[in-house]
């Protein structure tokens, strides 16, 4: 059975959000940092469609993360895009403070690149190919509310109690699109997998496009909302203490159900433990 209707089309809000939803806070070689390695399989309508890798080091005061998503399995034959995300910044009591974020979308030999750098309360942004003047103005106006990138948003959530972090509406800017995430706590669960066994909390995220998304696509999303249910589990880092790590995700996107499950996971060379 082939299904050509599931495509990662112009704009990258959904895939980049999924990467962000499954990214754990990471720091590049601060004192006491521990390496993190996470691998996920993403299935769409029950068939393997993509795989995702996360590599980084967990630290108390800084983070740097690399996430890669590319087609895999049967459904991957009909997906033409791959994604690379890199994010870096500081971690403080107020949460994650991003310093840079880049997302590259590759379709065959064509590349679309969105890059953001922050300096104090200001940011600069570049996207290639460049957006038109009207679209650029709309994106900048929407992002000026202090929108973080998707990785830093989840990094900030990783160090907090889900009862406090999984609530309200958060604006996000991934260098291509600006969108809101409406967060709500969905309760407790118990995870029993080969890579984590223990308690977890489910955080639901509703994706609402704001700027950068073509109008036709925006209307489709609003009519059939993208929903991401993130299963967060408490794990221990020797340097950063307790972190809420994403061990599973499921939801609905572009009219299809999806799941994301761990295929391997470690922190400091150790299995994930509550």
C-alpha atoms as a PDB file:
ATOM      1  CA  UNK A   1       0.000   0.000   0.000  1.00  0.00           C
ATOM      2  CA  UNK A   2       1.483   3.335  -1.030  1.00  0.00           C
ATOM      3  CA  UNK A   3       0.482   6.610   0.497  1.00  0.00           C
ATOM      4  CA  UNK A   4       1.748   9.717  -1.245  1.00  0.00           C
ATOM      5  CA  UNK A   5      -0.354  12.153   0.750  1.00  0.00           C
ATOM      6  CA  UNK A   6       2.068  12.291   3.686  1.00  0.00           C
ATOM      7  CA  UNK A   7       4.767  14.739   2.637  1.00  0.00           C
ATOM      8  CA  UNK A   8       6.934  17.202   4.462  1.00  0.00           C
ATOM      9  CA  UNK A   9       6.050  20.128   2.244  1.00  0.00           C
ATOM     10  CA  UNK A  10       7.190  23.743   2.156  1.00  0.00           C
ATOM     11  CA  UNK A  11       7.980  24.977   5.630  1.00  0.00           C
ATOM     12  CA  UNK A  12       9.338  22.692   8.304  1.00  0.00           C
ATOM     13  CA  UNK A  13       7.223  23.403  11.344  1.00  0.00           C
ATOM     14  CA  UNK A  14       5.963  19.844  11.829  1.00  0.00           C
ATOM     15  CA  UNK A  15       9.229  17.902  11.371  1.00  0.00           C
ATOM     16  CA  UNK A  16      11.294  20.499  13.216  1.00  0.00           C
ATOM     17  CA  UNK A  17       8.781  20.542  16.050  1.00  0.00           C
ATOM     18  CA  UNK A  18       8.956  16.764  16.189  1.00  0.00           C
ATOM     19  CA  UNK A  19      12.723  17.000  16.458  1.00  0.00           C
ATOM     20  CA  UNK A  20      12.368  19.549  19.179  1.00  0.00           C
ATOM     21  CA  UNK A  21       9.805  17.457  20.987  1.00  0.00           C
ATOM     22  CA  UNK A  22      12.231  14.534  21.022  1.00  0.00           C
ATOM     23  CA  UNK A  23      15.395  16.508  21.814  1.00  0.00           C
ATOM     24  CA  UNK A  24      16.887  16.461  25.300  1.00  0.00           C
ATOM     25  CA  UNK A  25      18.904  19.372  26.687  1.00  0.00           C
ATOM     26  CA  UNK A  26      22.536  19.142  25.678  1.00  0.00           C
ATOM     27  CA  UNK A  27      25.755  20.980  26.399  1.00  0.00           C
ATOM     28  CA  UNK A  28      29.052  20.818  24.566  1.00  0.00           C
ATOM     29  CA  UNK A  29      31.826  19.853  26.982  1.00  0.00           C
ATOM     30  CA  UNK A  30      31.082  21.999  30.052  1.00  0.00           C
ATOM     31  CA  UNK A  31      32.692  20.739  33.248  1.00  0.00           C
ATOM     32  CA  UNK A  32      31.046  17.527  34.378  1.00  0.00           C
ATOM     33  CA  UNK A  33      28.952  17.172  31.228  1.00  0.00           C
ATOM     34  CA  UNK A  34      27.753  13.720  30.178  1.00  0.00           C
ATOM     35  CA  UNK A  35      27.257  12.568  26.586  1.00  0.00           C
ATOM     36  CA  UNK A  36      23.717  11.766  25.500  1.00  0.00           C
ATOM     37  CA  UNK A  37      22.845   9.463  22.636  1.00  0.00           C
ATOM     38  CA  UNK A  38      19.222   8.974  21.590  1.00  0.00           C
ATOM     39  CA  UNK A  39      17.845   7.163  18.553  1.00  0.00           C
ATOM     40  CA  UNK A  40      14.188   7.099  17.496  1.00  0.00           C
ATOM     41  CA  UNK A  41      12.088   5.332  14.884  1.00  0.00           C
ATOM     42  CA  UNK A  42       9.148   7.351  13.523  1.00  0.00           C
ATOM     43  CA  UNK A  43       6.179   5.465  12.101  1.00  0.00           C
ATOM     44  CA  UNK A  44       3.297   6.969  10.143  1.00  0.00           C
ATOM     45  CA  UNK A  45       0.009   5.063   9.989  1.00  0.00           C
ATOM     46  CA  UNK A  46       1.836   2.057  11.425  1.00  0.00           C
ATOM     47  CA  UNK A  47       4.650   1.973   8.831  1.00  0.00           C
ATOM     48  CA  UNK A  48       8.222   3.090   9.481  1.00  0.00           C
ATOM     49  CA  UNK A  49       8.774   6.435   7.790  1.00  0.00           C
ATOM     50  CA  UNK A  50      11.800   8.192   9.305  1.00  0.00           C
ATOM     51  CA  UNK A  51      14.582   7.818  11.817  1.00  0.00           C
ATOM     52  CA  UNK A  52      16.027  10.460  14.081  1.00  0.00           C
ATOM     53  CA  UNK A  53      19.342  10.750  15.873  1.00  0.00           C
ATOM     54  CA  UNK A  54      20.288  13.031  18.753  1.00  0.00           C
ATOM     55  CA  UNK A  55      23.847  13.569  19.955  1.00  0.00           C
ATOM     56  CA  UNK A  56      25.153  15.952  22.587  1.00  0.00           C
ATOM     57  CA  UNK A  57      26.341  16.321  26.175  1.00  0.00           C
ATOM     58  CA  UNK A  58      24.164  17.221  29.139  1.00  0.00           C
ATOM     59  CA  UNK A  59      25.408  20.133  31.230  1.00  0.00           C
ATOM     60  CA  UNK A  60      24.185  22.391  34.005  1.00  0.00           C
ATOM     61  CA  UNK A  61      25.040  25.786  32.513  1.00  0.00           C
ATOM     62  CA  UNK A  62      25.103  25.395  28.723  1.00  0.00           C
ATOM     63  CA  UNK A  63      23.726  23.286  25.914  1.00  0.00           C
ATOM     64  CA  UNK A  64      24.537  22.343  22.374  1.00  0.00           C
ATOM     65  CA  UNK A  65      22.553  19.775  20.417  1.00  0.00           C
ATOM     66  CA  UNK A  66      22.515  18.165  16.991  1.00  0.00           C
ATOM     67  CA  UNK A  67      19.426  16.403  15.654  1.00  0.00           C
ATOM     68  CA  UNK A  68      19.118  14.693  12.303  1.00  0.00           C
ATOM     69  CA  UNK A  69      15.918  13.344  10.724  1.00  0.00           C
ATOM     70  CA  UNK A  70      15.901  11.378   7.484  1.00  0.00           C
ATOM     71  CA  UNK A  71      13.603   8.978   5.611  1.00  0.00           C
ATOM     72  CA  UNK A  72      13.702   5.294   6.499  1.00  0.00           C
ATOM     73  CA  UNK A  73      11.622   2.171   5.955  1.00  0.00           C
ATOM     74  CA  UNK A  74       8.750   1.657   3.541  1.00  0.00           C
ATOM     75  CA  UNK A  75       7.033   5.018   4.026  1.00  0.00           C
ATOM     76  CA  UNK A  76      10.428   6.686   3.707  1.00  0.00           C
ATOM     77  CA  UNK A  77      10.402   5.793   0.009  1.00  0.00           C
ATOM     78  CA  UNK A  78       7.779   8.518  -0.461  1.00  0.00           C
ATOM     79  CA  UNK A  79       9.414  11.187   1.725  1.00  0.00           C
ATOM     80  CA  UNK A  80      11.920  13.308  -0.150  1.00  0.00           C
ATOM     81  CA  UNK A  81      13.230  15.541   2.639  1.00  0.00           C
ATOM     82  CA  UNK A  82      15.776  15.299   5.416  1.00  0.00           C
ATOM     83  CA  UNK A  83      16.418  17.711   8.284  1.00  0.00           C
ATOM     84  CA  UNK A  84      19.467  18.810  10.275  1.00  0.00           C
ATOM     85  CA  UNK A  85      19.134  20.975  13.393  1.00  0.00           C
ATOM     86  CA  UNK A  86      21.865  22.529  15.518  1.00  0.00           C
ATOM     87  CA  UNK A  87      21.198  24.615  18.633  1.00  0.00           C
ATOM     88  CA  UNK A  88      23.358  26.154  21.347  1.00  0.00           C
ATOM     89  CA  UNK A  89      22.956  28.451  24.328  1.00  0.00           C
ATOM     90  CA  UNK A  90      23.032  28.848  28.105  1.00  0.00           C
ATOM     91  CA  UNK A  91      20.911  27.367  30.864  1.00  0.00           C
ATOM     92  CA  UNK A  92      19.906  29.553  33.803  1.00  0.00           C
ATOM     93  CA  UNK A  93      17.263  29.542  36.530  1.00  0.00           C
ATOM     94  CA  UNK A  94      14.881  31.158  34.067  1.00  0.00           C
ATOM     95  CA  UNK A  95      15.331  28.344  31.545  1.00  0.00           C
ATOM     96  CA  UNK A  96      17.267  27.957  28.309  1.00  0.00           C
ATOM     97  CA  UNK A  97      18.688  31.091  26.696  1.00  0.00           C
ATOM     98  CA  UNK A  98      19.520  30.348  23.033  1.00  0.00           C
ATOM     99  CA  UNK A  99      22.571  31.836  21.320  1.00  0.00           C
ATOM    100  CA  UNK A 100      22.269  30.160  17.926  1.00  0.00           C
ATOM    101  CA  UNK A 101      20.036  27.816  15.974  1.00  0.00           C
ATOM    102  CA  UNK A 102      20.262  26.505  12.406  1.00  0.00           C
ATOM    103  CA  UNK A 103      17.916  24.232  10.545  1.00  0.00           C
ATOM    104  CA  UNK A 104      18.705  22.820   7.097  1.00  0.00           C
ATOM    105  CA  UNK A 105      16.029  21.159   4.968  1.00  0.00           C
ATOM    106  CA  UNK A 106      17.349  19.105   2.045  1.00  0.00           C
ATOM    107  CA  UNK A 107      15.145  17.881  -0.774  1.00  0.00           C
ATOM    108  CA  UNK A 108      17.154  15.950  -3.329  1.00  0.00           C
ATOM    109  CA  UNK A 109      20.008  18.411  -4.007  1.00  0.00           C
ATOM    110  CA  UNK A 110      18.146  21.559  -2.977  1.00  0.00           C
ATOM    111  CA  UNK A 111      18.760  23.051   0.464  1.00  0.00           C
ATOM    112  CA  UNK A 112      16.725  25.530   2.487  1.00  0.00           C
ATOM    113  CA  UNK A 113      18.564  27.042   5.445  1.00  0.00           C
ATOM    114  CA  UNK A 114      17.190  29.086   8.358  1.00  0.00           C
ATOM    115  CA  UNK A 115      19.676  30.531  10.887  1.00  0.00           C
ATOM    116  CA  UNK A 116      19.029  32.595  14.012  1.00  0.00           C
ATOM    117  CA  UNK A 117      21.549  34.191  16.390  1.00  0.00           C
ATOM    118  CA  UNK A 118      20.706  35.942  19.650  1.00  0.00           C
ATOM    119  CA  UNK A 119      22.631  38.684  21.431  1.00  0.00           C
ATOM    120  CA  UNK A 120      21.057  39.885  24.642  1.00  0.00           C
ATOM    121  CA  UNK A 121      17.477  40.865  23.898  1.00  0.00           C
ATOM    122  CA  UNK A 122      18.044  41.043  20.136  1.00  0.00           C
ATOM    123  CA  UNK A 123      18.253  38.476  17.367  1.00  0.00           C
ATOM    124  CA  UNK A 124      19.310  38.325  13.724  1.00  0.00           C
ATOM    125  CA  UNK A 125      17.868  35.945  11.157  1.00  0.00           C
ATOM    126  CA  UNK A 126      18.766  34.691   7.706  1.00  0.00           C
ATOM    127  CA  UNK A 127      16.890  32.327   5.424  1.00  0.00           C
ATOM    128  CA  UNK A 128      17.947  31.014   2.047  1.00  0.00           C
ATOM    129  CA  UNK A 129      16.317  31.218  -0.381  1.00  0.00           C
ATOM    130  CA  UNK A 130      15.302  34.628   0.929  1.00  0.00           C
ATOM    131  CA  UNK A 131      11.604  35.234   1.646  1.00  0.00           C
ATOM    132  CA  UNK A 132       9.696  37.994  -0.086  1.00  0.00           C
ATOM    133  CA  UNK A 133       9.462  41.390   1.606  1.00  0.00           C
ATOM    134  CA  UNK A 134       5.899  40.853   2.856  1.00  0.00           C
ATOM    135  CA  UNK A 135       6.568  37.363   4.220  1.00  0.00           C
ATOM    136  CA  UNK A 136       9.784  38.534   5.877  1.00  0.00           C
ATOM    137  CA  UNK A 137       7.970  41.392   7.606  1.00  0.00           C
ATOM    138  CA  UNK A 138       5.245  39.029   8.854  1.00  0.00           C
ATOM    139  CA  UNK A 139       7.801  36.553  10.245  1.00  0.00           C
ATOM    140  CA  UNK A 140       9.886  39.222  11.977  1.00  0.00           C
ATOM    141  CA  UNK A 141       6.806  40.833  13.483  1.00  0.00           C
ATOM    142  CA  UNK A 142       5.584  37.472  14.829  1.00  0.00           C
ATOM    143  CA  UNK A 143       9.013  36.405  16.129  1.00  0.00           C
ATOM    144  CA  UNK A 144       9.779  39.645  17.956  1.00  0.00           C
ATOM    145  CA  UNK A 145       7.769  38.500  20.980  1.00  0.00           C
ATOM    146  CA  UNK A 146      10.910  36.713  22.145  1.00  0.00           C
ATOM    147  CA  UNK A 147      10.162  33.398  20.436  1.00  0.00           C
ATOM    148  CA  UNK A 148      12.787  30.695  21.141  1.00  0.00           C
ATOM    149  CA  UNK A 149      13.758  27.944  18.720  1.00  0.00           C
ATOM    150  CA  UNK A 150      12.134  24.497  19.218  1.00  0.00           C
ATOM    151  CA  UNK A 151      15.233  22.912  20.781  1.00  0.00           C
ATOM    152  CA  UNK A 152      15.710  25.605  23.413  1.00  0.00           C
ATOM    153  CA  UNK A 153      12.004  25.509  24.272  1.00  0.00           C
ATOM    154  CA  UNK A 154      12.200  21.788  25.061  1.00  0.00           C
ATOM    155  CA  UNK A 155      15.554  22.191  26.780  1.00  0.00           C
ATOM    156  CA  UNK A 156      13.955  24.692  29.137  1.00  0.00           C
ATOM    157  CA  UNK A 157      11.082  22.296  29.775  1.00  0.00           C
ATOM    158  CA  UNK A 158      13.470  19.377  30.454  1.00  0.00           C
ATOM    159  CA  UNK A 159      14.699  20.925  33.681  1.00  0.00           C
ATOM    160  CA  UNK A 160      11.276  21.779  35.105  1.00  0.00           C
ATOM    161  CA  UNK A 161       8.316  20.000  36.647  1.00  0.00           C
ATOM    162  CA  UNK A 162       5.863  19.177  33.804  1.00  0.00           C
ATOM    163  CA  UNK A 163       2.995  20.446  35.965  1.00  0.00           C
ATOM    164  CA  UNK A 164       4.523  23.920  35.575  1.00  0.00           C
ATOM    165  CA  UNK A 165       6.185  23.731  32.162  1.00  0.00           C
ATOM    166  CA  UNK A 166       3.371  21.956  30.268  1.00  0.00           C
ATOM    167  CA  UNK A 167       0.817  24.748  30.443  1.00  0.00           C
ATOM    168  CA  UNK A 168      -0.108  27.859  28.505  1.00  0.00           C
ATOM    169  CA  UNK A 169       0.881  28.926  25.000  1.00  0.00           C
ATOM    170  CA  UNK A 170       4.483  29.215  23.779  1.00  0.00           C
ATOM    171  CA  UNK A 171       5.588  30.944  20.596  1.00  0.00           C
ATOM    172  CA  UNK A 172       8.377  29.241  18.623  1.00  0.00           C
ATOM    173  CA  UNK A 173      10.573  30.345  15.680  1.00  0.00           C
ATOM    174  CA  UNK A 174      12.553  27.684  13.787  1.00  0.00           C
ATOM    175  CA  UNK A 175      14.198  29.954  11.208  1.00  0.00           C
ATOM    176  CA  UNK A 176      11.528  29.096   8.642  1.00  0.00           C
ATOM    177  CA  UNK A 177       8.146  29.312  10.366  1.00  0.00           C
ATOM    178  CA  UNK A 178       6.690  30.958  13.460  1.00  0.00           C
ATOM    179  CA  UNK A 179       4.052  28.981  15.356  1.00  0.00           C
ATOM    180  CA  UNK A 180       2.349  28.736  18.732  1.00  0.00           C
ATOM    181  CA  UNK A 181       2.270  25.606  20.869  1.00  0.00           C
ATOM    182  CA  UNK A 182      -0.729  25.261  23.153  1.00  0.00           C
ATOM    183  CA  UNK A 183       0.374  23.037  26.025  1.00  0.00           C
ATOM    184  CA  UNK A 184      -1.750  20.938  28.361  1.00  0.00           C
ATOM    185  CA  UNK A 185      -0.972  18.198  30.857  1.00  0.00           C
ATOM    186  CA  UNK A 186      -2.661  14.886  30.023  1.00  0.00           C
ATOM    187  CA  UNK A 187      -1.786  12.898  33.125  1.00  0.00           C
ATOM    188  CA  UNK A 188       0.578  10.182  34.323  1.00  0.00           C
ATOM    189  CA  UNK A 189       1.557   6.891  32.702  1.00  0.00           C
ATOM    190  CA  UNK A 190       4.043   4.048  33.122  1.00  0.00           C
ATOM    191  CA  UNK A 191       6.503   3.215  30.353  1.00  0.00           C
ATOM    192  CA  UNK A 192       7.753  -0.336  29.894  1.00  0.00           C
ATOM    193  CA  UNK A 193      10.267  -0.501  27.075  1.00  0.00           C
ATOM    194  CA  UNK A 194      13.726  -1.902  26.443  1.00  0.00           C
ATOM    195  CA  UNK A 195      15.287   1.542  26.985  1.00  0.00           C
ATOM    196  CA  UNK A 196      13.264   2.985  29.866  1.00  0.00           C
ATOM    197  CA  UNK A 197      11.015   1.464  32.500  1.00  0.00           C
ATOM    198  CA  UNK A 198       9.258   3.691  34.992  1.00  0.00           C
ATOM    199  CA  UNK A 199       6.863   6.599  35.542  1.00  0.00           C
ATOM    200  CA  UNK A 200       6.248   9.306  32.973  1.00  0.00           C
ATOM    201  CA  UNK A 201       4.051  12.328  32.308  1.00  0.00           C
ATOM    202  CA  UNK A 202       2.164  13.069  29.080  1.00  0.00           C
ATOM    203  CA  UNK A 203       2.303  16.637  27.734  1.00  0.00           C
ATOM    204  CA  UNK A 204       0.044  17.518  24.805  1.00  0.00           C
ATOM    205  CA  UNK A 205       1.075  20.180  22.296  1.00  0.00           C
ATOM    206  CA  UNK A 206      -1.295  21.675  19.745  1.00  0.00           C
ATOM    207  CA  UNK A 207       0.480  23.291  16.769  1.00  0.00           C
ATOM    208  CA  UNK A 208      -0.934  26.624  15.529  1.00  0.00           C
ATOM    209  CA  UNK A 209       0.797  28.282  12.523  1.00  0.00           C
ATOM    210  CA  UNK A 210       1.393  32.027  12.856  1.00  0.00           C
ATOM    211  CA  UNK A 211       3.748  33.216  10.091  1.00  0.00           C
ATOM    212  CA  UNK A 212       5.839  31.722   7.281  1.00  0.00           C
ATOM    213  CA  UNK A 213       3.273  29.038   6.440  1.00  0.00           C
ATOM    214  CA  UNK A 214       1.496  29.398   3.056  1.00  0.00           C
ATOM    215  CA  UNK A 215      -2.142  30.343   3.500  1.00  0.00           C
ATOM    216  CA  UNK A 216      -3.527  27.169   1.890  1.00  0.00           C
ATOM    217  CA  UNK A 217      -1.428  24.983   4.179  1.00  0.00           C
ATOM    218  CA  UNK A 218      -2.304  27.129   7.205  1.00  0.00           C
ATOM    219  CA  UNK A 219      -6.029  26.622   6.574  1.00  0.00           C
ATOM    220  CA  UNK A 220      -5.530  22.846   6.296  1.00  0.00           C
ATOM    221  CA  UNK A 221      -3.685  22.730   9.608  1.00  0.00           C
ATOM    222  CA  UNK A 222      -6.349  24.770  11.370  1.00  0.00           C
ATOM    223  CA  UNK A 223      -9.058  22.489   9.959  1.00  0.00           C
ATOM    224  CA  UNK A 224      -7.196  19.315  10.988  1.00  0.00           C
ATOM    225  CA  UNK A 225      -4.854  20.370  13.843  1.00  0.00           C
ATOM    226  CA  UNK A 226      -1.432  18.820  14.354  1.00  0.00           C
ATOM    227  CA  UNK A 227      -1.311  17.237  17.819  1.00  0.00           C
ATOM    228  CA  UNK A 228       1.833  15.986  19.556  1.00  0.00           C
ATOM    229  CA  UNK A 229       1.667  13.963  22.793  1.00  0.00           C
ATOM    230  CA  UNK A 230       5.092  13.939  24.398  1.00  0.00           C
ATOM    231  CA  UNK A 231       5.821  11.268  27.040  1.00  0.00           C
ATOM    232  CA  UNK A 232       8.348  12.779  29.476  1.00  0.00           C
ATOM    233  CA  UNK A 233      10.245  10.556  31.895  1.00  0.00           C
ATOM    234  CA  UNK A 234      12.474  11.643  34.800  1.00  0.00           C
ATOM    235  CA  UNK A 235      16.109  10.587  34.359  1.00  0.00           C
ATOM    236  CA  UNK A 236      19.248  11.445  36.299  1.00  0.00           C
ATOM    237  CA  UNK A 237      22.243  13.417  35.061  1.00  0.00           C
ATOM    238  CA  UNK A 238      25.287  13.559  37.330  1.00  0.00           C
ATOM    239  CA  UNK A 239      25.866  17.218  36.410  1.00  0.00           C
ATOM    240  CA  UNK A 240      22.405  18.617  35.669  1.00  0.00           C
ATOM    241  CA  UNK A 241      20.381  16.565  38.170  1.00  0.00           C
ATOM    242  CA  UNK A 242      16.888  15.428  37.248  1.00  0.00           C
ATOM    243  CA  UNK A 243      15.817  15.962  33.643  1.00  0.00           C
ATOM    244  CA  UNK A 244      12.537  15.197  31.944  1.00  0.00           C
ATOM    245  CA  UNK A 245      13.498  13.160  28.894  1.00  0.00           C
ATOM    246  CA  UNK A 246      11.190  12.365  25.968  1.00  0.00           C
ATOM    247  CA  UNK A 247      10.954   8.576  25.777  1.00  0.00           C
ATOM    248  CA  UNK A 248       7.999   8.331  23.407  1.00  0.00           C
ATOM    249  CA  UNK A 249       5.662  10.497  21.354  1.00  0.00           C
ATOM    250  CA  UNK A 250       2.457  10.006  19.430  1.00  0.00           C
ATOM    251  CA  UNK A 251      -0.118  12.175  17.769  1.00  0.00           C
ATOM    252  CA  UNK A 252      -1.649  13.246  14.503  1.00  0.00           C
ATOM    253  CA  UNK A 253      -0.173  15.310  11.679  1.00  0.00           C
ATOM    254  CA  UNK A 254      -1.380  15.978   8.137  1.00  0.00           C
ATOM    255  CA  UNK A 255      -4.288  13.588   8.600  1.00  0.00           C
ATOM    256  CA  UNK A 256      -2.115  10.678   9.730  1.00  0.00           C
ATOM    257  CA  UNK A 257      -1.340   9.160  13.109  1.00  0.00           C
ATOM    258  CA  UNK A 258       2.328   8.887  14.005  1.00  0.00           C
ATOM    259  CA  UNK A 259       4.442   7.355  16.756  1.00  0.00           C
ATOM    260  CA  UNK A 260       8.056   7.932  17.764  1.00  0.00           C
ATOM    261  CA  UNK A 261       9.792   5.282  19.851  1.00  0.00           C
ATOM    262  CA  UNK A 262      13.300   4.877  21.213  1.00  0.00           C
ATOM    263  CA  UNK A 263      15.541   2.343  19.482  1.00  0.00           C
ATOM    264  CA  UNK A 264      18.556   3.086  21.705  1.00  0.00           C
ATOM    265  CA  UNK A 265      19.324   5.540  24.508  1.00  0.00           C
ATOM    266  CA  UNK A 266      22.089   6.347  26.969  1.00  0.00           C
ATOM    267  CA  UNK A 267      23.348   9.161  29.191  1.00  0.00           C
ATOM    268  CA  UNK A 268      26.985   9.080  30.224  1.00  0.00           C
ATOM    269  CA  UNK A 269      27.134   5.584  28.750  1.00  0.00           C
ATOM    270  CA  UNK A 270      24.411   4.451  31.169  1.00  0.00           C
ATOM    271  CA  UNK A 271      20.845   3.330  30.408  1.00  0.00           C
ATOM    272  CA  UNK A 272      18.093   5.842  31.155  1.00  0.00           C
ATOM    273  CA  UNK A 273      16.917   5.445  34.757  1.00  0.00           C
ATOM    274  CA  UNK A 274      14.186   7.216  36.778  1.00  0.00           C
END
